[in-house]
PDB file of all heavy atoms in Angstrom:
ATOM      1  N   LYS A   1      76.277  76.047  80.247  1.00  0.00           N
ATOM      2  CA  LYS A   1      75.713  76.447  81.528  1.00  0.00           C
ATOM      3  C   LYS A   1      76.664  76.902  82.593  1.00  0.00           C
ATOM      4  O   LYS A   1      76.439  77.008  83.770  1.00  0.00           O
ATOM      5  CB  LYS A   1      74.888  75.290  82.161  1.00  0.00           C
ATOM      6  CG  LYS A   1      73.858  74.715  81.219  1.00  0.00           C
ATOM      7  CD  LYS A   1      72.624  75.516  81.111  1.00  0.00           C
ATOM      8  CE  LYS A   1      71.776  75.416  82.335  1.00  0.00           C
ATOM      9  NZ  LYS A   1      71.098  74.170  82.469  1.00  0.00           N
ATOM     10  N   THR A   2      77.901  77.264  82.022  1.00  0.00           N
ATOM     11  CA  THR A   2      79.013  77.549  83.012  1.00  0.00           C
ATOM     12  C   THR A   2      78.649  78.687  83.990  1.00  0.00           C
ATOM     13  O   THR A   2      78.883  78.601  85.192  1.00  0.00           O
ATOM     14  CB  THR A   2      80.246  77.950  82.188  1.00  0.00           C
ATOM     15  OG1 THR A   2      80.658  76.807  81.368  1.00  0.00           O
ATOM     16  CG2 THR A   2      81.432  78.451  83.084  1.00  0.00           C
ATOM     17  N   HIS A   3      78.102  79.783  83.380  1.00  0.00           N
ATOM     18  CA  HIS A   3      77.783  80.953  84.295  1.00  0.00           C
ATOM     19  C   HIS A   3      76.733  80.581  85.325  1.00  0.00           C
ATOM     20  O   HIS A   3      76.766  81.177  86.508  1.00  0.00           O
ATOM     21  CB  HIS A   3      77.451  82.114  83.425  1.00  0.00           C
ATOM     22  CG  HIS A   3      78.489  82.569  82.625  1.00  0.00           C
ATOM     23  ND1 HIS A   3      79.666  82.960  83.014  1.00  0.00           N
ATOM     24  CD2 HIS A   3      78.664  82.619  81.149  1.00  0.00           C
ATOM     25  CE1 HIS A   3      80.476  83.450  81.977  1.00  0.00           C
ATOM     26  NE2 HIS A   3      79.921  83.146  80.879  1.00  0.00           N
ATOM     27  N   GLU A   4      75.792  79.776  84.948  1.00  0.00           N
ATOM     28  CA  GLU A   4      74.623  79.390  85.810  1.00  0.00           C
ATOM     29  C   GLU A   4      75.037  78.392  86.836  1.00  0.00           C
ATOM     30  O   GLU A   4      74.675  78.475  88.056  1.00  0.00           O
ATOM     31  CB  GLU A   4      73.540  78.932  84.959  1.00  0.00           C
ATOM     32  CG  GLU A   4      72.306  78.430  85.701  1.00  0.00           C
ATOM     33  CD  GLU A   4      71.108  77.926  84.901  1.00  0.00           C
ATOM     34  OE1 GLU A   4      71.419  78.090  83.591  1.00  0.00           O
ATOM     35  OE2 GLU A   4      70.220  77.370  85.365  1.00  0.00           O
ATOM     36  N   MET A   5      75.914  77.336  86.505  1.00  0.00           N
ATOM     37  CA  MET A   5      76.078  76.285  87.267  1.00  0.00           C
ATOM     38  C   MET A   5      77.373  76.425  88.205  1.00  0.00           C
ATOM     39  O   MET A   5      77.520  75.820  89.231  1.00  0.00           O
ATOM     40  CB  MET A   5      76.248  74.968  86.440  1.00  0.00           C
ATOM     41  CG  MET A   5      74.945  74.480  85.817  1.00  0.00           C
ATOM     42  SD  MET A   5      73.871  73.969  87.106  1.00  0.00           S
ATOM     43  CE  MET A   5      72.442  75.066  86.747  1.00  0.00           C
ATOM     44  N   THR A   6      78.438  77.182  87.692  1.00  0.00           N
ATOM     45  CA  THR A   6      79.551  77.265  88.426  1.00  0.00           C
ATOM     46  C   THR A   6      79.372  77.867  89.896  1.00  0.00           C
ATOM     47  O   THR A   6      80.039  77.296  90.825  1.00  0.00           O
ATOM     48  CB  THR A   6      80.684  78.101  87.668  1.00  0.00           C
ATOM     49  OG1 THR A   6      80.908  77.565  86.359  1.00  0.00           O
ATOM     50  CG2 THR A   6      81.880  78.408  88.434  1.00  0.00           C
ATOM     51  N   PRO A   7      78.643  78.887  90.018  1.00  0.00           N
ATOM     52  CA  PRO A   7      78.452  79.397  91.476  1.00  0.00           C
ATOM     53  C   PRO A   7      77.818  78.276  92.319  1.00  0.00           C
ATOM     54  O   PRO A   7      78.183  78.099  93.503  1.00  0.00           O
ATOM     55  CB  PRO A   7      77.510  80.507  91.296  1.00  0.00           C
ATOM     56  CG  PRO A   7      77.695  80.990  90.005  1.00  0.00           C
ATOM     57  CD  PRO A   7      77.914  79.857  89.082  1.00  0.00           C
ATOM     58  N   LEU A   8      76.863  77.492  91.803  1.00  0.00           N
ATOM     59  CA  LEU A   8      76.287  76.354  92.546  1.00  0.00           C
ATOM     60  C   LEU A   8      77.321  75.192  92.897  1.00  0.00           C
ATOM     61  O   LEU A   8      77.340  74.745  93.918  1.00  0.00           O
ATOM     62  CB  LEU A   8      75.125  75.826  91.810  1.00  0.00           C
ATOM     63  CG  LEU A   8      73.944  76.714  91.378  1.00  0.00           C
ATOM     64  CD1 LEU A   8      72.895  75.871  90.600  1.00  0.00           C
ATOM     65  CD2 LEU A   8      73.273  77.317  92.607  1.00  0.00           C
ATOM     66  N   ILE A   9      78.200  75.038  91.962  1.00  0.00           N
ATOM     67  CA  ILE A   9      79.278  74.028  92.176  1.00  0.00           C
ATOM     68  C   ILE A   9      80.219  74.542  93.290  1.00  0.00           C
ATOM     69  O   ILE A   9      80.647  73.724  94.094  1.00  0.00           O
ATOM     70  CB  ILE A   9      79.971  73.703  90.924  1.00  0.00           C
ATOM     71  CG1 ILE A   9      79.051  72.909  89.894  1.00  0.00           C
ATOM     72  CG2 ILE A   9      81.293  72.791  91.152  1.00  0.00           C
ATOM     73  CD1 ILE A   9      79.587  72.762  88.526  1.00  0.00           C
ATOM     74  N   VAL A  10      80.591  75.715  93.114  1.00  0.00           N
ATOM     75  CA  VAL A  10      81.491  76.380  94.229  1.00  0.00           C
ATOM     76  C   VAL A  10      80.841  76.277  95.640  1.00  0.00           C
ATOM     77  O   VAL A  10      81.532  75.726  96.591  1.00  0.00           O
ATOM     78  CB  VAL A  10      81.697  77.839  93.883  1.00  0.00           C
ATOM     79  CG1 VAL A  10      82.391  78.543  95.140  1.00  0.00           C
ATOM     80  CG2 VAL A  10      82.562  77.974  92.758  1.00  0.00           C
ATOM     81  N   ASP A  11      79.589  76.578  95.665  1.00  0.00           N
ATOM     82  CA  ASP A  11      78.926  76.410  97.059  1.00  0.00           C
ATOM     83  C   ASP A  11      78.891  74.912  97.463  1.00  0.00           C
ATOM     84  O   ASP A  11      79.103  74.616  98.573  1.00  0.00           O
ATOM     85  CB  ASP A  11      77.467  77.004  96.939  1.00  0.00           C
ATOM     86  CG  ASP A  11      77.530  78.516  96.826  1.00  0.00           C
ATOM     87  OD1 ASP A  11      78.539  79.142  97.156  1.00  0.00           O
ATOM     88  OD2 ASP A  11      76.377  78.947  96.462  1.00  0.00           O
ATOM     89  N   TYR A  12      78.609  74.031  96.522  1.00  0.00           N
ATOM     90  CA  TYR A  12      78.425  72.585  96.881  1.00  0.00           C
ATOM     91  C   TYR A  12      79.781  72.093  97.368  1.00  0.00           C
ATOM     92  O   TYR A  12      79.848  71.340  98.341  1.00  0.00           O
ATOM     93  CB  TYR A  12      77.984  71.911  95.652  1.00  0.00           C
ATOM     94  CG  TYR A  12      77.581  70.429  95.993  1.00  0.00           C
ATOM     95  CD1 TYR A  12      76.151  70.234  96.442  1.00  0.00           C
ATOM     96  CD2 TYR A  12      78.444  69.407  95.948  1.00  0.00           C
ATOM     97  CE1 TYR A  12      75.772  68.977  96.745  1.00  0.00           C
ATOM     98  CE2 TYR A  12      78.051  68.099  96.265  1.00  0.00           C
ATOM     99  CZ  TYR A  12      76.757  67.901  96.712  1.00  0.00           C
ATOM    100  OH  TYR A  12      76.347  66.620  97.036  1.00  0.00           O
ATOM    101  N   VAL A  13      80.841  72.426  96.644  1.00  0.00           N
ATOM    102  CA  VAL A  13      82.190  71.892  97.035  1.00  0.00           C
ATOM    103  C   VAL A  13      82.627  72.471  98.365  1.00  0.00           C
ATOM    104  O   VAL A  13      83.178  71.753  99.186  1.00  0.00           O
ATOM    105  CB  VAL A  13      83.212  72.192  95.898  1.00  0.00           C
ATOM    106  CG1 VAL A  13      84.666  71.852  96.343  1.00  0.00           C
ATOM    107  CG2 VAL A  13      82.852  71.382  94.679  1.00  0.00           C
ATOM    108  N   MET A  14      82.230  73.677  98.629  1.00  0.00           N
ATOM    109  CA  MET A  14      82.606  74.245 100.054  1.00  0.00           C
ATOM    110  C   MET A  14      81.870  73.515 101.040  1.00  0.00           C
ATOM    111  O   MET A  14      82.445  73.383 102.159  1.00  0.00           O
ATOM    112  CB  MET A  14      82.332  75.796 100.061  1.00  0.00           C
ATOM    113  CG  MET A  14      83.214  76.529  99.147  1.00  0.00           C
ATOM    114  SD  MET A  14      82.831  78.318  98.973  1.00  0.00           S
ATOM    115  CE  MET A  14      83.255  78.890 100.591  1.00  0.00           C
ATOM    116  N   GLN A  15      80.671  73.050 100.794  1.00  0.00           N
ATOM    117  CA  GLN A  15      79.885  72.350 101.687  1.00  0.00           C
ATOM    118  C   GLN A  15      80.269  70.809 101.785  1.00  0.00           C
ATOM    119  O   GLN A  15      80.003  70.086 102.770  1.00  0.00           O
ATOM    120  CB  GLN A  15      78.391  72.458 101.437  1.00  0.00           C
ATOM    121  CG  GLN A  15      77.816  73.929 101.652  1.00  0.00           C
ATOM    122  CD  GLN A  15      78.069  74.349 103.046  1.00  0.00           C
ATOM    123  OE1 GLN A  15      77.797  73.687 104.051  1.00  0.00           O
ATOM    124  NE2 GLN A  15      78.525  75.650 103.226  1.00  0.00           N
ATOM    125  N   ASN A  16      80.770  70.305 100.719  1.00  0.00           N
ATOM    126  CA  ASN A  16      81.112  68.880 100.516  1.00  0.00           C
ATOM    127  C   ASN A  16      82.595  68.789 100.005  1.00  0.00           C
ATOM    128  O   ASN A  16      82.718  68.554  98.801  1.00  0.00           O
ATOM    129  CB  ASN A  16      80.097  68.247  99.655  1.00  0.00           C
ATOM    130  CG  ASN A  16      78.698  68.397 100.084  1.00  0.00           C
ATOM    131  OD1 ASN A  16      78.140  67.647 100.891  1.00  0.00           O
ATOM    132  ND2 ASN A  16      78.029  69.516  99.597  1.00  0.00           N
ATOM    133  N   PRO A  17      83.520  68.995 100.814  1.00  0.00           N
ATOM    134  CA  PRO A  17      84.883  69.095 100.346  1.00  0.00           C
ATOM    135  C   PRO A  17      85.606  67.825  99.778  1.00  0.00           C
ATOM    136  O   PRO A  17      86.690  67.902  99.358  1.00  0.00           O
ATOM    137  CB  PRO A  17      85.646  69.690 101.526  1.00  0.00           C
ATOM    138  CG  PRO A  17      84.885  69.232 102.790  1.00  0.00           C
ATOM    139  CD  PRO A  17      83.362  69.365 102.239  1.00  0.00           C
ATOM    140  N   LYS A  18      84.838  66.748  99.943  1.00  0.00           N
ATOM    141  CA  LYS A  18      85.368  65.509  99.212  1.00  0.00           C
ATOM    142  C   LYS A  18      85.377  65.766  97.677  1.00  0.00           C
ATOM    143  O   LYS A  18      86.142  65.047  97.000  1.00  0.00           O
ATOM    144  CB  LYS A  18      84.635  64.336  99.604  1.00  0.00           C
ATOM    145  CG  LYS A  18      83.099  64.207  98.945  1.00  0.00           C
ATOM    146  CD  LYS A  18      82.431  63.085  99.412  1.00  0.00           C
ATOM    147  CE  LYS A  18      80.991  63.024  98.840  1.00  0.00           C
ATOM    148  NZ  LYS A  18      80.140  61.815  99.233  1.00  0.00           N
ATOM    149  N   TRP A  19      84.572  66.710  97.249  1.00  0.00           N
ATOM    150  CA  TRP A  19      84.479  66.968  95.771  1.00  0.00           C
ATOM    151  C   TRP A  19      85.522  68.075  95.479  1.00  0.00           C
ATOM    152  O   TRP A  19      85.765  68.918  96.383  1.00  0.00           O
ATOM    153  CB  TRP A  19      83.141  67.436  95.399  1.00  0.00           C
ATOM    154  CG  TRP A  19      82.082  66.323  95.383  1.00  0.00           C
ATOM    155  CD1 TRP A  19      81.225  66.075  96.476  1.00  0.00           C
ATOM    156  CD2 TRP A  19      81.851  65.399  94.414  1.00  0.00           C
ATOM    157  NE1 TRP A  19      80.511  65.023  96.174  1.00  0.00           N
ATOM    158  CE2 TRP A  19      80.733  64.579  94.911  1.00  0.00           C
ATOM    159  CE3 TRP A  19      82.298  65.164  93.121  1.00  0.00           C
ATOM    160  CZ2 TRP A  19      80.240  63.517  94.091  1.00  0.00           C
ATOM    161  CZ3 TRP A  19      81.717  64.240  92.307  1.00  0.00           C
ATOM    162  CH2 TRP A  19      80.800  63.289  92.824  1.00  0.00           C
ATOM    163  N   GLU A  20      85.973  68.026  94.204  1.00  0.00           N
ATOM    164  CA  GLU A  20      86.731  69.177  93.678  1.00  0.00           C
ATOM    165  C   GLU A  20      86.098  69.736  92.419  1.00  0.00           C
ATOM    166  O   GLU A  20      85.248  69.075  91.900  1.00  0.00           O
ATOM    167  CB  GLU A  20      88.130  68.620  93.280  1.00  0.00           C
ATOM    168  CG  GLU A  20      88.952  68.139  94.504  1.00  0.00           C
ATOM    169  CD  GLU A  20      90.300  67.511  94.068  1.00  0.00           C
ATOM    170  OE1 GLU A  20      91.165  68.206  93.423  1.00  0.00           O
ATOM    171  OE2 GLU A  20      90.506  66.338  94.327  1.00  0.00           O
ATOM    172  N   ILE A  21      86.535  70.849  91.947  1.00  0.00           N
ATOM    173  CA  ILE A  21      85.944  71.486  90.648  1.00  0.00           C
ATOM    174  C   ILE A  21      86.881  71.122  89.522  1.00  0.00           C
ATOM    175  O   ILE A  21      88.148  71.380  89.613  1.00  0.00           O
ATOM    176  CB  ILE A  21      85.734  73.033  90.972  1.00  0.00           C
ATOM    177  CG1 ILE A  21      84.758  73.311  92.051  1.00  0.00           C
ATOM    178  CG2 ILE A  21      85.330  73.651  89.617  1.00  0.00           C
ATOM    179  CD1 ILE A  21      84.654  74.773  92.400  1.00  0.00           C
ATOM    180  N   SER A  22      86.302  70.770  88.530  1.00  0.00           N
ATOM    181  CA  SER A  22      86.950  70.601  87.219  1.00  0.00           C
ATOM    182  C   SER A  22      86.446  71.689  86.345  1.00  0.00           C
ATOM    183  O   SER A  22      85.261  71.747  86.149  1.00  0.00           O
ATOM    184  CB  SER A  22      86.832  69.167  86.646  1.00  0.00           C
ATOM    185  OG  SER A  22      87.313  69.078  85.355  1.00  0.00           O
ATOM    186  N   LEU A  23      87.230  72.334  85.550  1.00  0.00           N
ATOM    187  CA  LEU A  23      86.941  73.197  84.500  1.00  0.00           C
ATOM    188  C   LEU A  23      87.497  72.901  83.182  1.00  0.00           C
ATOM    189  O   LEU A  23      88.590  72.295  83.134  1.00  0.00           O
ATOM    190  CB  LEU A  23      87.347  74.747  84.880  1.00  0.00           C
ATOM    191  CG  LEU A  23      86.654  75.303  86.170  1.00  0.00           C
ATOM    192  CD1 LEU A  23      87.366  76.649  86.444  1.00  0.00           C
ATOM    193  CD2 LEU A  23      85.240  75.491  86.163  1.00  0.00           C
ATOM    194  N   GLN A  24      86.820  73.182  82.084  1.00  0.00           N
ATOM    195  CA  GLN A  24      87.356  72.958  80.786  1.00  0.00           C
ATOM    196  C   GLN A  24      88.368  74.001  80.462  1.00  0.00           C
ATOM    197  O   GLN A  24      88.128  74.862  79.603  1.00  0.00           O
ATOM    198  CB  GLN A  24      86.205  72.814  79.759  1.00  0.00           C
ATOM    199  CG  GLN A  24      85.396  71.624  80.006  1.00  0.00           C
ATOM    200  CD  GLN A  24      84.192  71.509  78.938  1.00  0.00           C
ATOM    201  OE1 GLN A  24      83.431  72.353  78.877  1.00  0.00           O
ATOM    202  NE2 GLN A  24      84.332  70.532  78.086  1.00  0.00           N
ATOM    203  N   THR A  25      89.486  73.907  81.106  1.00  0.00           N
ATOM    204  CA  THR A  25      90.496  75.038  80.963  1.00  0.00           C
ATOM    205  C   THR A  25      90.954  75.220  79.582  1.00  0.00           C
ATOM    206  O   THR A  25      91.471  76.259  79.011  1.00  0.00           O
ATOM    207  CB  THR A  25      91.693  74.864  81.916  1.00  0.00           C
ATOM    208  OG1 THR A  25      92.402  73.537  81.656  1.00  0.00           O
ATOM    209  CG2 THR A  25      91.266  74.842  83.309  1.00  0.00           C
ATOM    210  N   HIS A  26      90.995  74.024  78.743  1.00  0.00           N
ATOM    211  CA  HIS A  26      91.391  74.221  77.276  1.00  0.00           C
ATOM    212  C   HIS A  26      90.552  75.058  76.556  1.00  0.00           C
ATOM    213  O   HIS A  26      91.087  75.639  75.565  1.00  0.00           O
ATOM    214  CB  HIS A  26      91.514  72.894  76.714  1.00  0.00           C
ATOM    215  CG  HIS A  26      90.154  71.967  76.713  1.00  0.00           C
ATOM    216  ND1 HIS A  26      89.662  71.555  77.919  1.00  0.00           N
ATOM    217  CD2 HIS A  26      89.228  71.668  75.809  1.00  0.00           C
ATOM    218  CE1 HIS A  26      88.489  71.060  77.738  1.00  0.00           C
ATOM    219  NE2 HIS A  26      88.272  71.077  76.345  1.00  0.00           N
ATOM    220  N   LYS A  27      89.278  75.314  76.976  1.00  0.00           N
ATOM    221  CA  LYS A  27      88.457  76.133  76.155  1.00  0.00           C
ATOM    222  C   LYS A  27      88.822  77.648  76.540  1.00  0.00           C
ATOM    223  O   LYS A  27      88.737  78.484  75.682  1.00  0.00           O
ATOM    224  CB  LYS A  27      87.030  75.803  76.418  1.00  0.00           C
ATOM    225  CG  LYS A  27      86.531  74.498  75.896  1.00  0.00           C
ATOM    226  CD  LYS A  27      85.001  74.283  76.038  1.00  0.00           C
ATOM    227  CE  LYS A  27      84.757  73.013  75.334  1.00  0.00           C
ATOM    228  NZ  LYS A  27      83.254  72.762  75.329  1.00  0.00           N
ATOM    229  N   TYR A  28      89.170  77.846  77.830  1.00  0.00           N
ATOM    230  CA  TYR A  28      89.610  79.028  78.257  1.00  0.00           C
ATOM    231  C   TYR A  28      90.949  79.572  77.526  1.00  0.00           C
ATOM    232  O   TYR A  28      91.085  80.696  77.217  1.00  0.00           O
ATOM    233  CB  TYR A  28      89.761  79.249  79.808  1.00  0.00           C
ATOM    234  CG  TYR A  28      88.451  79.207  80.469  1.00  0.00           C
ATOM    235  CD1 TYR A  28      88.018  78.016  81.015  1.00  0.00           C
ATOM    236  CD2 TYR A  28      87.604  80.296  80.648  1.00  0.00           C
ATOM    237  CE1 TYR A  28      86.764  77.942  81.781  1.00  0.00           C
ATOM    238  CE2 TYR A  28      86.459  80.232  81.422  1.00  0.00           C
ATOM    239  CZ  TYR A  28      86.019  78.977  81.882  1.00  0.00           C
ATOM    240  OH  TYR A  28      84.818  78.915  82.516  1.00  0.00           O
ATOM    241  N   LEU A  29      91.770  78.506  77.317  1.00  0.00           N
ATOM    242  CA  LEU A  29      93.116  78.745  76.739  1.00  0.00           C
ATOM    243  C   LEU A  29      92.988  78.802  75.213  1.00  0.00           C
ATOM    244  O   LEU A  29      93.987  79.055  74.523  1.00  0.00           O
ATOM    245  CB  LEU A  29      94.026  77.754  77.162  1.00  0.00           C
ATOM    246  CG  LEU A  29      94.369  77.617  78.630  1.00  0.00           C
ATOM    247  CD1 LEU A  29      95.151  76.391  78.968  1.00  0.00           C
ATOM    248  CD2 LEU A  29      95.179  78.841  79.054  1.00  0.00           C
ATOM    249  N   ASN A  30      91.830  78.374  74.586  1.00  0.00           N
ATOM    250  CA  ASN A  30      91.615  78.435  73.169  1.00  0.00           C
ATOM    251  C   ASN A  30      92.519  77.334  72.398  1.00  0.00           C
ATOM    252  O   ASN A  30      93.256  77.778  71.507  1.00  0.00           O
ATOM    253  CB  ASN A  30      91.737  79.716  72.575  1.00  0.00           C
ATOM    254  CG  ASN A  30      91.055  79.793  71.173  1.00  0.00           C
ATOM    255  OD1 ASN A  30      90.149  79.048  70.837  1.00  0.00           O
ATOM    256  ND2 ASN A  30      91.711  80.677  70.273  1.00  0.00           N
ATOM    257  N   ILE A  31      92.668  76.107  73.136  1.00  0.00           N
ATOM    258  CA  ILE A  31      93.507  75.106  72.526  1.00  0.00           C
ATOM    259  C   ILE A  31      92.665  73.842  72.375  1.00  0.00           C
ATOM    260  O   ILE A  31      91.540  73.790  72.980  1.00  0.00           O
ATOM    261  CB  ILE A  31      94.734  74.809  73.459  1.00  0.00           C
ATOM    262  CG1 ILE A  31      94.281  74.381  74.770  1.00  0.00           C
ATOM    263  CG2 ILE A  31      95.665  76.048  73.473  1.00  0.00           C
ATOM    264  CD1 ILE A  31      95.503  73.905  75.698  1.00  0.00           C
ATOM    265  N   PRO A  32      93.072  72.919  71.566  1.00  0.00           N
ATOM    266  CA  PRO A  32      92.189  71.737  71.290  1.00  0.00           C
ATOM    267  C   PRO A  32      91.974  70.922  72.670  1.00  0.00           C
ATOM    268  O   PRO A  32      92.704  70.982  73.579  1.00  0.00           O
ATOM    269  CB  PRO A  32      93.103  70.776  70.409  1.00  0.00           C
ATOM    270  CG  PRO A  32      93.931  71.745  69.761  1.00  0.00           C
ATOM    271  CD  PRO A  32      94.258  72.820  70.772  1.00  0.00           C
TER     272      PRO A  32
END
């Protein structure tokens, strides 16, 4: 659901900056 949820998470974190965004960067890097 990355494409659907990421914009919502971005907006939420901007409104609630105690939160940070975590991404599964290993999948973007194509590593285990």
